[in-house]
Amino acid sequence: MASSIPTPLPRPSAIAFDCYRTLFQNAPADWERTFGGICLEQRLGISGSELWDRWKKYEVNFRATRLAPGPDGALPAFKTYRLAWGECFVRVFTDLGADADPRAAAAACVRHMAARQPYPETAAAVAALAARTKVAVLSNADDDFLRPCLAALKADFGAVVSSESARSYKPAPRIFRALLDSLDLDPRAVWFVGDHLHEDVHGSASAGMTAIWINRPAGDNYYAGQTGLTAGRRQAPHAEISSLLELLGLLEAASGARSGTGSSASF
């Protein structure tokens, strides 16, 4: 991808990242393999692909409704992914008439997410950025799968905020405020990098941050990556990249602009 930005972005005091599909891979094919293991362990007699399709119907509804106010205007009670995923399995197993263990199935999903692999450039990009500015993570995730992923990366993150720790999900303002409080920074001093146009771009921009969309191949069509979008309500990102390494050029341009040595950025 080759794009240009008329003027450099403001130089950040911190760069915060979404986790999954930004730093770490999270492809449907990986989920289907995990669900195949659940089918074998629980002797369901169906394929992993079929279980995935049945479960995903309920899981997508959880994502779509977890921030939807009720008739009285109150938000739903917060649920961790582990709890919500288990409830989805309860419904699937009921549909199948299967005598199966939804908690064990949800635990398999947690283990799956804790073992996601970073993108090829993640470690090098984060290390290079961390040498120049503070880095952080804000993710819709449970701590018991987010923390192991980040620990495996061995990066020096100045703040890590999960939906579980904030008791909220992106794009709600509350979770972005939790990040800013952890960093002790004004939102204008923070770049936020994520793959999701609604949760990451809209959420961070609405919170006053510089929103950078990482648009990886097929990212816009990813089944879970773009829920909550409508064609006329897309928040435009302040910058668009296809690799985390492109952030180094953006940061260099921002630094040059502040010192008066540059006026544009290209990537």
C-alpha atoms as a PDB file:
ATOM      1  CA  MET A   1       0.000   0.000   0.000  1.00  0.00           C
ATOM      2  CA  ALA A   2       1.249   3.495  -0.770  1.00  0.00           C
ATOM      3  CA  SER A   3      -0.534   6.451   0.767  1.00  0.00           C
ATOM      4  CA  SER A   4       0.355   9.959   1.752  1.00  0.00           C
ATOM      5  CA  ILE A   5      -0.666  12.343   4.494  1.00  0.00           C
ATOM      6  CA  PRO A   6      -0.728  16.091   3.675  1.00  0.00           C
ATOM      7  CA  THR A   7       0.752  17.051   7.058  1.00  0.00           C
ATOM      8  CA  PRO A   8       2.514  14.935   9.648  1.00  0.00           C
ATOM      9  CA  LEU A   9       0.647  13.553  12.606  1.00  0.00           C
ATOM     10  CA  PRO A  10       1.294  15.161  15.998  1.00  0.00           C
ATOM     11  CA  ARG A  11       4.303  13.606  17.690  1.00  0.00           C
ATOM     12  CA  PRO A  12       3.039  11.144  20.312  1.00  0.00           C
ATOM     13  CA  SER A  13       4.116  10.683  23.900  1.00  0.00           C
ATOM     14  CA  ALA A  14       2.743   7.137  23.639  1.00  0.00           C
ATOM     15  CA  ILE A  15       1.590   4.723  20.942  1.00  0.00           C
ATOM     16  CA  ALA A  16      -1.124   2.307  22.071  1.00  0.00           C
ATOM     17  CA  PHE A  17      -2.102  -0.839  20.201  1.00  0.00           C
ATOM     18  CA  ASP A  18      -5.106  -3.048  19.907  1.00  0.00           C
ATOM     19  CA  CYS A  19      -3.937  -6.643  20.368  1.00  0.00           C
ATOM     20  CA  TYR A  20      -5.678  -9.181  18.128  1.00  0.00           C
ATOM     21  CA  ARG A  21      -5.367  -8.668  14.367  1.00  0.00           C
ATOM     22  CA  THR A  22      -3.089  -5.732  15.146  1.00  0.00           C
ATOM     23  CA  LEU A  23      -0.163  -7.261  17.051  1.00  0.00           C
ATOM     24  CA  PHE A  24      -1.269 -10.912  16.985  1.00  0.00           C
ATOM     25  CA  GLN A  25      -2.869 -13.093  14.334  1.00  0.00           C
ATOM     26  CA  ASN A  26      -6.452 -14.234  14.863  1.00  0.00           C
ATOM     27  CA  ALA A  27      -7.734 -15.958  11.740  1.00  0.00           C
ATOM     28  CA  PRO A  28     -10.996 -17.912  11.371  1.00  0.00           C
ATOM     29  CA  ALA A  29      -9.013 -20.963  10.220  1.00  0.00           C
ATOM     30  CA  ASP A  30      -7.228 -21.048  13.580  1.00  0.00           C
ATOM     31  CA  TRP A  31     -10.576 -20.957  15.388  1.00  0.00           C
ATOM     32  CA  GLU A  32     -11.940 -23.779  13.251  1.00  0.00           C
ATOM     33  CA  ARG A  33      -8.975 -25.968  14.204  1.00  0.00           C
ATOM     34  CA  THR A  34      -9.596 -25.234  17.877  1.00  0.00           C
ATOM     35  CA  PHE A  35     -13.273 -26.053  17.455  1.00  0.00           C
ATOM     36  CA  GLY A  36     -12.328 -29.300  15.767  1.00  0.00           C
ATOM     37  CA  GLY A  37     -10.478 -30.207  18.955  1.00  0.00           C
ATOM     38  CA  ILE A  38     -13.551 -29.344  21.040  1.00  0.00           C
ATOM     39  CA  CYS A  39     -15.679 -31.609  18.833  1.00  0.00           C
ATOM     40  CA  LEU A  40     -13.287 -34.505  19.365  1.00  0.00           C
ATOM     41  CA  GLU A  41     -12.911 -33.945  23.119  1.00  0.00           C
ATOM     42  CA  GLN A  42     -16.647 -33.669  23.659  1.00  0.00           C
ATOM     43  CA  ARG A  43     -17.618 -36.309  21.072  1.00  0.00           C
ATOM     44  CA  LEU A  44     -20.073 -34.014  19.330  1.00  0.00           C
ATOM     45  CA  GLY A  45     -20.078 -35.886  16.031  1.00  0.00           C
ATOM     46  CA  ILE A  46     -19.819 -32.735  13.903  1.00  0.00           C
ATOM     47  CA  SER A  47     -16.928 -30.899  12.270  1.00  0.00           C
ATOM     48  CA  GLY A  48     -15.083 -27.999  13.789  1.00  0.00           C
ATOM     49  CA  SER A  49     -16.346 -25.831  10.953  1.00  0.00           C
ATOM     50  CA  GLU A  50     -19.976 -26.648  11.743  1.00  0.00           C
ATOM     51  CA  LEU A  51     -19.510 -26.034  15.466  1.00  0.00           C
ATOM     52  CA  TRP A  52     -17.764 -22.750  14.673  1.00  0.00           C
ATOM     53  CA  ASP A  53     -20.623 -21.603  12.428  1.00  0.00           C
ATOM     54  CA  ARG A  54     -23.237 -22.497  15.021  1.00  0.00           C
ATOM     55  CA  TRP A  55     -21.318 -20.858  17.880  1.00  0.00           C
ATOM     56  CA  LYS A  56     -20.360 -17.750  15.921  1.00  0.00           C
ATOM     57  CA  LYS A  57     -24.025 -16.890  15.382  1.00  0.00           C
ATOM     58  CA  TYR A  58     -24.434 -16.426  19.129  1.00  0.00           C
ATOM     59  CA  GLU A  59     -21.016 -14.909  19.738  1.00  0.00           C
ATOM     60  CA  VAL A  60     -21.545 -12.167  17.145  1.00  0.00           C
ATOM     61  CA  ASN A  61     -24.813 -11.288  18.856  1.00  0.00           C
ATOM     62  CA  PHE A  62     -22.934 -10.898  22.153  1.00  0.00           C
ATOM     63  CA  ARG A  63     -20.531  -8.464  20.485  1.00  0.00           C
ATOM     64  CA  ALA A  64     -23.367  -6.520  18.909  1.00  0.00           C
ATOM     65  CA  THR A  65     -25.405  -6.156  22.104  1.00  0.00           C
ATOM     66  CA  ARG A  66     -22.854  -5.888  24.923  1.00  0.00           C
ATOM     67  CA  LEU A  67     -22.930  -2.082  24.816  1.00  0.00           C
ATOM     68  CA  ALA A  68     -26.601  -1.703  23.806  1.00  0.00           C
ATOM     69  CA  PRO A  69     -28.708   0.170  26.399  1.00  0.00           C
ATOM     70  CA  GLY A  70     -31.878  -1.534  27.595  1.00  0.00           C
ATOM     71  CA  PRO A  71     -35.365   0.028  27.599  1.00  0.00           C
ATOM     72  CA  ASP A  72     -34.451   1.861  30.811  1.00  0.00           C
ATOM     73  CA  GLY A  73     -31.264   3.238  29.254  1.00  0.00           C
ATOM     74  CA  ALA A  74     -29.006   1.075  31.427  1.00  0.00           C
ATOM     75  CA  LEU A  75     -26.100  -0.782  29.857  1.00  0.00           C
ATOM     76  CA  PRO A  76     -25.960  -4.577  30.130  1.00  0.00           C
ATOM     77  CA  ALA A  77     -23.961  -6.009  33.014  1.00  0.00           C
ATOM     78  CA  PHE A  78     -20.355  -6.544  31.981  1.00  0.00           C
ATOM     79  CA  LYS A  79     -19.411 -10.080  30.957  1.00  0.00           C
ATOM     80  CA  THR A  80     -15.951 -11.461  30.344  1.00  0.00           C
ATOM     81  CA  TYR A  81     -15.327 -13.349  27.144  1.00  0.00           C
ATOM     82  CA  ARG A  82     -14.934 -16.581  29.090  1.00  0.00           C
ATOM     83  CA  LEU A  83     -18.424 -16.185  30.568  1.00  0.00           C
ATOM     84  CA  ALA A  84     -20.030 -15.013  27.317  1.00  0.00           C
ATOM     85  CA  TRP A  85     -18.353 -17.758  25.277  1.00  0.00           C
ATOM     86  CA  GLY A  86     -19.570 -20.362  27.754  1.00  0.00           C
ATOM     87  CA  GLU A  87     -23.123 -19.032  27.416  1.00  0.00           C
ATOM     88  CA  CYS A  88     -22.813 -19.311  23.631  1.00  0.00           C
ATOM     89  CA  PHE A  89     -21.753 -22.947  23.986  1.00  0.00           C
ATOM     90  CA  VAL A  90     -24.730 -23.617  26.271  1.00  0.00           C
ATOM     91  CA  ARG A  91     -27.027 -22.481  23.483  1.00  0.00           C
ATOM     92  CA  VAL A  92     -25.183 -24.437  20.795  1.00  0.00           C
ATOM     93  CA  PHE A  93     -25.150 -27.639  22.828  1.00  0.00           C
ATOM     94  CA  THR A  94     -28.853 -27.188  23.564  1.00  0.00           C
ATOM     95  CA  ASP A  95     -29.530 -26.792  19.848  1.00  0.00           C
ATOM     96  CA  LEU A  96     -27.571 -29.983  19.189  1.00  0.00           C
ATOM     97  CA  GLY A  97     -29.164 -31.895  22.043  1.00  0.00           C
ATOM     98  CA  ALA A  98     -25.626 -32.669  23.187  1.00  0.00           C
ATOM     99  CA  ASP A  99     -24.589 -33.637  26.707  1.00  0.00           C
ATOM    100  CA  ALA A 100     -21.432 -31.513  26.592  1.00  0.00           C
ATOM    101  CA  ASP A 101     -19.469 -29.222  28.908  1.00  0.00           C
ATOM    102  CA  PRO A 102     -19.743 -25.519  27.935  1.00  0.00           C
ATOM    103  CA  ARG A 103     -17.193 -24.426  30.532  1.00  0.00           C
ATOM    104  CA  ALA A 104     -14.583 -26.784  29.142  1.00  0.00           C
ATOM    105  CA  ALA A 105     -15.310 -25.546  25.629  1.00  0.00           C
ATOM    106  CA  ALA A 106     -14.969 -21.899  26.723  1.00  0.00           C
ATOM    107  CA  ALA A 107     -11.700 -22.758  28.479  1.00  0.00           C
ATOM    108  CA  ALA A 108     -10.400 -24.214  25.202  1.00  0.00           C
ATOM    109  CA  CYS A 109     -11.157 -20.867  23.520  1.00  0.00           C
ATOM    110  CA  VAL A 110      -9.267 -19.010  26.243  1.00  0.00           C
ATOM    111  CA  ARG A 111      -6.229 -21.265  25.748  1.00  0.00           C
ATOM    112  CA  HIS A 112      -6.525 -20.709  22.002  1.00  0.00           C
ATOM    113  CA  MET A 113      -6.414 -16.924  22.406  1.00  0.00           C
ATOM    114  CA  ALA A 114      -3.511 -17.078  24.840  1.00  0.00           C
ATOM    115  CA  ALA A 115      -1.412 -18.875  22.217  1.00  0.00           C
ATOM    116  CA  ARG A 116      -1.974 -16.595  19.210  1.00  0.00           C
ATOM    117  CA  GLN A 117       1.132 -15.895  17.141  1.00  0.00           C
ATOM    118  CA  PRO A 118       2.402 -12.365  16.487  1.00  0.00           C
ATOM    119  CA  TYR A 119       2.555 -11.031  12.953  1.00  0.00           C
ATOM    120  CA  PRO A 120       6.039 -11.388  11.422  1.00  0.00           C
ATOM    121  CA  GLU A 121       6.930  -7.721  11.947  1.00  0.00           C
ATOM    122  CA  THR A 122       5.329  -7.248  15.388  1.00  0.00           C
ATOM    123  CA  ALA A 123       8.327  -7.857  17.657  1.00  0.00           C
ATOM    124  CA  ALA A 124      10.744  -5.737  15.606  1.00  0.00           C
ATOM    125  CA  ALA A 125       8.267  -2.890  15.131  1.00  0.00           C
ATOM    126  CA  VAL A 126       7.237  -2.707  18.781  1.00  0.00           C
ATOM    127  CA  ALA A 127      10.857  -2.865  19.977  1.00  0.00           C
ATOM    128  CA  ALA A 128      11.892  -0.081  17.607  1.00  0.00           C
ATOM    129  CA  LEU A 129       8.951   2.096  18.626  1.00  0.00           C
ATOM    130  CA  ALA A 130       9.508   1.426  22.341  1.00  0.00           C
ATOM    131  CA  ALA A 131      13.054   2.776  21.950  1.00  0.00           C
ATOM    132  CA  ARG A 132      11.580   6.068  20.772  1.00  0.00           C
ATOM    133  CA  THR A 133       8.378   6.523  22.786  1.00  0.00           C
ATOM    134  CA  LYS A 134       6.171   4.797  25.345  1.00  0.00           C
ATOM    135  CA  VAL A 135       4.095   1.888  24.028  1.00  0.00           C
ATOM    136  CA  ALA A 136       0.878   0.449  25.464  1.00  0.00           C
ATOM    137  CA  VAL A 137      -1.916  -2.024  24.732  1.00  0.00           C
ATOM    138  CA  LEU A 138      -5.681  -1.626  24.966  1.00  0.00           C
ATOM    139  CA  SER A 139      -7.645  -4.716  23.981  1.00  0.00           C
ATOM    140  CA  ASN A 140     -11.117  -6.151  24.154  1.00  0.00           C
ATOM    141  CA  ALA A 141      -9.861  -9.251  25.928  1.00  0.00           C
ATOM    142  CA  ASP A 142      -9.800 -11.172  29.189  1.00  0.00           C
ATOM    143  CA  ASP A 143      -6.616 -10.847  31.205  1.00  0.00           C
ATOM    144  CA  ASP A 144      -6.027 -14.588  31.303  1.00  0.00           C
ATOM    145  CA  PHE A 145      -5.475 -14.738  27.556  1.00  0.00           C
ATOM    146  CA  LEU A 146      -4.212 -11.217  26.851  1.00  0.00           C
ATOM    147  CA  ARG A 147      -1.420 -11.264  29.429  1.00  0.00           C
ATOM    148  CA  PRO A 148       0.186 -14.547  28.241  1.00  0.00           C
ATOM    149  CA  CYS A 149       0.228 -13.277  24.650  1.00  0.00           C
ATOM    150  CA  LEU A 150       1.952 -10.053  25.608  1.00  0.00           C
ATOM    151  CA  ALA A 151       4.385 -11.831  27.929  1.00  0.00           C
ATOM    152  CA  ALA A 152       5.495 -14.042  25.038  1.00  0.00           C
ATOM    153  CA  LEU A 153       6.240 -10.909  23.002  1.00  0.00           C
ATOM    154  CA  LYS A 154       8.667  -9.697  25.735  1.00  0.00           C
ATOM    155  CA  ALA A 155       7.965  -6.044  25.013  1.00  0.00           C
ATOM    156  CA  ASP A 156       8.176  -3.221  27.535  1.00  0.00           C
ATOM    157  CA  PHE A 157       4.598  -1.943  27.562  1.00  0.00           C
ATOM    158  CA  GLY A 158       4.071   1.087  29.772  1.00  0.00           C
ATOM    159  CA  ALA A 159       0.387   0.256  30.236  1.00  0.00           C
ATOM    160  CA  VAL A 160      -1.864  -2.703  29.479  1.00  0.00           C
ATOM    161  CA  VAL A 161      -5.637  -2.255  29.697  1.00  0.00           C
ATOM    162  CA  SER A 162      -8.080  -5.071  28.972  1.00  0.00           C
ATOM    163  CA  SER A 163     -11.846  -4.938  28.699  1.00  0.00           C
ATOM    164  CA  GLU A 164     -11.889  -7.132  31.802  1.00  0.00           C
ATOM    165  CA  SER A 165      -9.799  -4.691  33.865  1.00  0.00           C
ATOM    166  CA  ALA A 166     -11.779  -1.675  32.619  1.00  0.00           C
ATOM    167  CA  ARG A 167     -15.138  -3.507  32.849  1.00  0.00           C
ATOM    168  CA  SER A 168     -16.016  -2.072  29.464  1.00  0.00           C
ATOM    169  CA  TYR A 169     -15.551  -2.725  25.758  1.00  0.00           C
ATOM    170  CA  LYS A 170     -14.324  -0.575  22.917  1.00  0.00           C
ATOM    171  CA  PRO A 171     -15.568   1.747  21.500  1.00  0.00           C
ATOM    172  CA  ALA A 172     -17.098   2.933  24.820  1.00  0.00           C
ATOM    173  CA  PRO A 173     -15.363   6.054  26.211  1.00  0.00           C
ATOM    174  CA  ARG A 174     -14.800   4.360  29.581  1.00  0.00           C
ATOM    175  CA  ILE A 175     -12.167   1.923  28.345  1.00  0.00           C
ATOM    176  CA  PHE A 176     -10.223   4.636  26.526  1.00  0.00           C
ATOM    177  CA  ARG A 177     -10.310   6.800  29.657  1.00  0.00           C
ATOM    178  CA  ALA A 178      -8.840   3.849  31.563  1.00  0.00           C
ATOM    179  CA  LEU A 179      -5.947   3.767  29.088  1.00  0.00           C
ATOM    180  CA  LEU A 180      -5.331   7.505  29.364  1.00  0.00           C
ATOM    181  CA  ASP A 181      -5.431   7.304  33.165  1.00  0.00           C
ATOM    182  CA  SER A 182      -2.893   4.461  33.095  1.00  0.00           C
ATOM    183  CA  LEU A 183      -0.603   6.476  30.842  1.00  0.00           C
ATOM    184  CA  ASP A 184      -1.315   9.758  32.652  1.00  0.00           C
ATOM    185  CA  LEU A 185      -1.486  11.505  29.293  1.00  0.00           C
ATOM    186  CA  ASP A 186      -3.735  13.889  27.431  1.00  0.00           C
ATOM    187  CA  PRO A 187      -5.498  12.066  24.557  1.00  0.00           C
ATOM    188  CA  ARG A 188      -3.890  14.403  22.034  1.00  0.00           C
ATOM    189  CA  ALA A 189      -0.524  12.915  23.002  1.00  0.00           C
ATOM    190  CA  VAL A 190      -1.534   9.338  22.148  1.00  0.00           C
ATOM    191  CA  TRP A 191      -1.653   7.452  18.859  1.00  0.00           C
ATOM    192  CA  PHE A 192      -3.972   4.465  18.844  1.00  0.00           C
ATOM    193  CA  VAL A 193      -3.389   1.687  16.308  1.00  0.00           C
ATOM    194  CA  GLY A 194      -6.030  -0.939  15.563  1.00  0.00           C
ATOM    195  CA  ASP A 195      -7.682  -3.013  12.835  1.00  0.00           C
ATOM    196  CA  HIS A 196     -11.326  -2.297  13.643  1.00  0.00           C
ATOM    197  CA  LEU A 197     -12.897   0.778  12.071  1.00  0.00           C
ATOM    198  CA  HIS A 198     -15.633   1.071  14.693  1.00  0.00           C
ATOM    199  CA  GLU A 199     -14.058  -0.151  17.905  1.00  0.00           C
ATOM    200  CA  ASP A 200     -10.519   1.141  17.287  1.00  0.00           C
ATOM    201  CA  VAL A 201     -10.714   4.051  14.856  1.00  0.00           C
ATOM    202  CA  HIS A 202     -14.055   5.532  15.876  1.00  0.00           C
ATOM    203  CA  GLY A 203     -13.473   4.770  19.562  1.00  0.00           C
ATOM    204  CA  SER A 204     -10.008   6.290  19.837  1.00  0.00           C
ATOM    205  CA  ALA A 205     -10.788   9.309  17.642  1.00  0.00           C
ATOM    206  CA  SER A 206     -13.903  10.018  19.693  1.00  0.00           C
ATOM    207  CA  ALA A 207     -11.710   9.931  22.794  1.00  0.00           C
ATOM    208  CA  GLY A 208      -9.464  12.601  21.248  1.00  0.00           C
ATOM    209  CA  MET A 209      -6.575  10.368  20.190  1.00  0.00           C
ATOM    210  CA  THR A 210      -4.875  10.100  16.826  1.00  0.00           C
ATOM    211  CA  ALA A 211      -6.505   7.048  15.204  1.00  0.00           C
ATOM    212  CA  ILE A 212      -4.356   4.879  12.931  1.00  0.00           C
ATOM    213  CA  TRP A 213      -6.058   2.058  11.046  1.00  0.00           C
ATOM    214  CA  ILE A 214      -3.949  -0.999  10.279  1.00  0.00           C
ATOM    215  CA  ASN A 215      -5.683  -2.392   7.227  1.00  0.00           C
ATOM    216  CA  ARG A 216      -4.139  -5.819   6.789  1.00  0.00           C
ATOM    217  CA  PRO A 217      -5.090  -7.965   3.766  1.00  0.00           C
ATOM    218  CA  ALA A 218      -8.794  -8.951   3.981  1.00  0.00           C
ATOM    219  CA  GLY A 219      -9.091  -7.094   7.275  1.00  0.00           C
ATOM    220  CA  ASP A 220     -12.140  -5.083   6.229  1.00  0.00           C
ATOM    221  CA  ASN A 221     -14.044  -8.271   5.384  1.00  0.00           C
ATOM    222  CA  TYR A 222     -13.084 -10.223   8.488  1.00  0.00           C
ATOM    223  CA  TYR A 223     -16.282 -11.632  10.030  1.00  0.00           C
ATOM    224  CA  ALA A 224     -15.667 -10.330  13.574  1.00  0.00           C
ATOM    225  CA  GLY A 225     -13.423  -7.434  12.722  1.00  0.00           C
ATOM    226  CA  GLN A 226     -15.973  -4.963  11.463  1.00  0.00           C
ATOM    227  CA  THR A 227     -19.217  -5.584  13.359  1.00  0.00           C
ATOM    228  CA  GLY A 228     -21.055  -2.437  14.351  1.00  0.00           C
ATOM    229  CA  LEU A 229     -20.360  -0.570  11.109  1.00  0.00           C
ATOM    230  CA  THR A 230     -22.771   1.091   8.738  1.00  0.00           C
ATOM    231  CA  ALA A 231     -21.713   2.552   5.404  1.00  0.00           C
ATOM    232  CA  GLY A 232     -22.512   6.147   6.310  1.00  0.00           C
ATOM    233  CA  ARG A 233     -20.982   6.183   9.790  1.00  0.00           C
ATOM    234  CA  ARG A 234     -17.349   5.290   9.299  1.00  0.00           C
ATOM    235  CA  GLN A 235     -14.923   7.489  11.168  1.00  0.00           C
ATOM    236  CA  ALA A 236     -12.012   8.313   8.875  1.00  0.00           C
ATOM    237  CA  PRO A 237      -8.665   7.346  10.416  1.00  0.00           C
ATOM    238  CA  HIS A 238      -5.969   9.969  10.717  1.00  0.00           C
ATOM    239  CA  ALA A 239      -3.631   7.536   8.936  1.00  0.00           C
ATOM    240  CA  GLU A 240      -3.849   4.106   7.308  1.00  0.00           C
ATOM    241  CA  ILE A 241      -1.086   1.503   7.275  1.00  0.00           C
ATOM    242  CA  SER A 242      -0.741  -2.129   6.223  1.00  0.00           C
ATOM    243  CA  SER A 243       2.250  -3.059   8.408  1.00  0.00           C
ATOM    244  CA  LEU A 244       3.347  -2.003  11.879  1.00  0.00           C
ATOM    245  CA  LEU A 245       6.753  -1.095  10.462  1.00  0.00           C
ATOM    246  CA  GLU A 246       5.122   1.847   8.678  1.00  0.00           C
ATOM    247  CA  LEU A 247       4.638   3.475  12.067  1.00  0.00           C
ATOM    248  CA  LEU A 248       8.380   4.155  12.195  1.00  0.00           C
ATOM    249  CA  GLY A 249       8.115   6.409   9.155  1.00  0.00           C
ATOM    250  CA  LEU A 250       5.101   8.195  10.597  1.00  0.00           C
ATOM    251  CA  LEU A 251       6.938   8.749  13.880  1.00  0.00           C
ATOM    252  CA  GLU A 252      10.036  10.032  12.092  1.00  0.00           C
ATOM    253  CA  ALA A 253       7.918  12.467  10.081  1.00  0.00           C
ATOM    254  CA  ALA A 254       6.107  13.647  13.214  1.00  0.00           C
ATOM    255  CA  SER A 255       9.410  14.190  15.005  1.00  0.00           C
ATOM    256  CA  GLY A 256      10.826  16.096  12.038  1.00  0.00           C
ATOM    257  CA  ALA A 257       7.765  18.317  11.846  1.00  0.00           C
ATOM    258  CA  ARG A 258       8.030  19.249  15.506  1.00  0.00           C
ATOM    259  CA  SER A 259      11.681  20.177  15.095  1.00  0.00           C
ATOM    260  CA  GLY A 260      10.962  22.046  11.881  1.00  0.00           C
ATOM    261  CA  THR A 261      12.830  19.643   9.598  1.00  0.00           C
ATOM    262  CA  GLY A 262       9.890  18.083   7.797  1.00  0.00           C
ATOM    263  CA  SER A 263       6.424  18.874   6.514  1.00  0.00           C
ATOM    264  CA  SER A 264       5.020  15.662   5.075  1.00  0.00           C
ATOM    265  CA  ALA A 265       4.900  11.932   5.581  1.00  0.00           C
ATOM    266  CA  SER A 266       4.597   9.099   3.118  1.00  0.00           C
ATOM    267  CA  PHE A 267       4.269   5.372   3.657  1.00  0.00           C
END
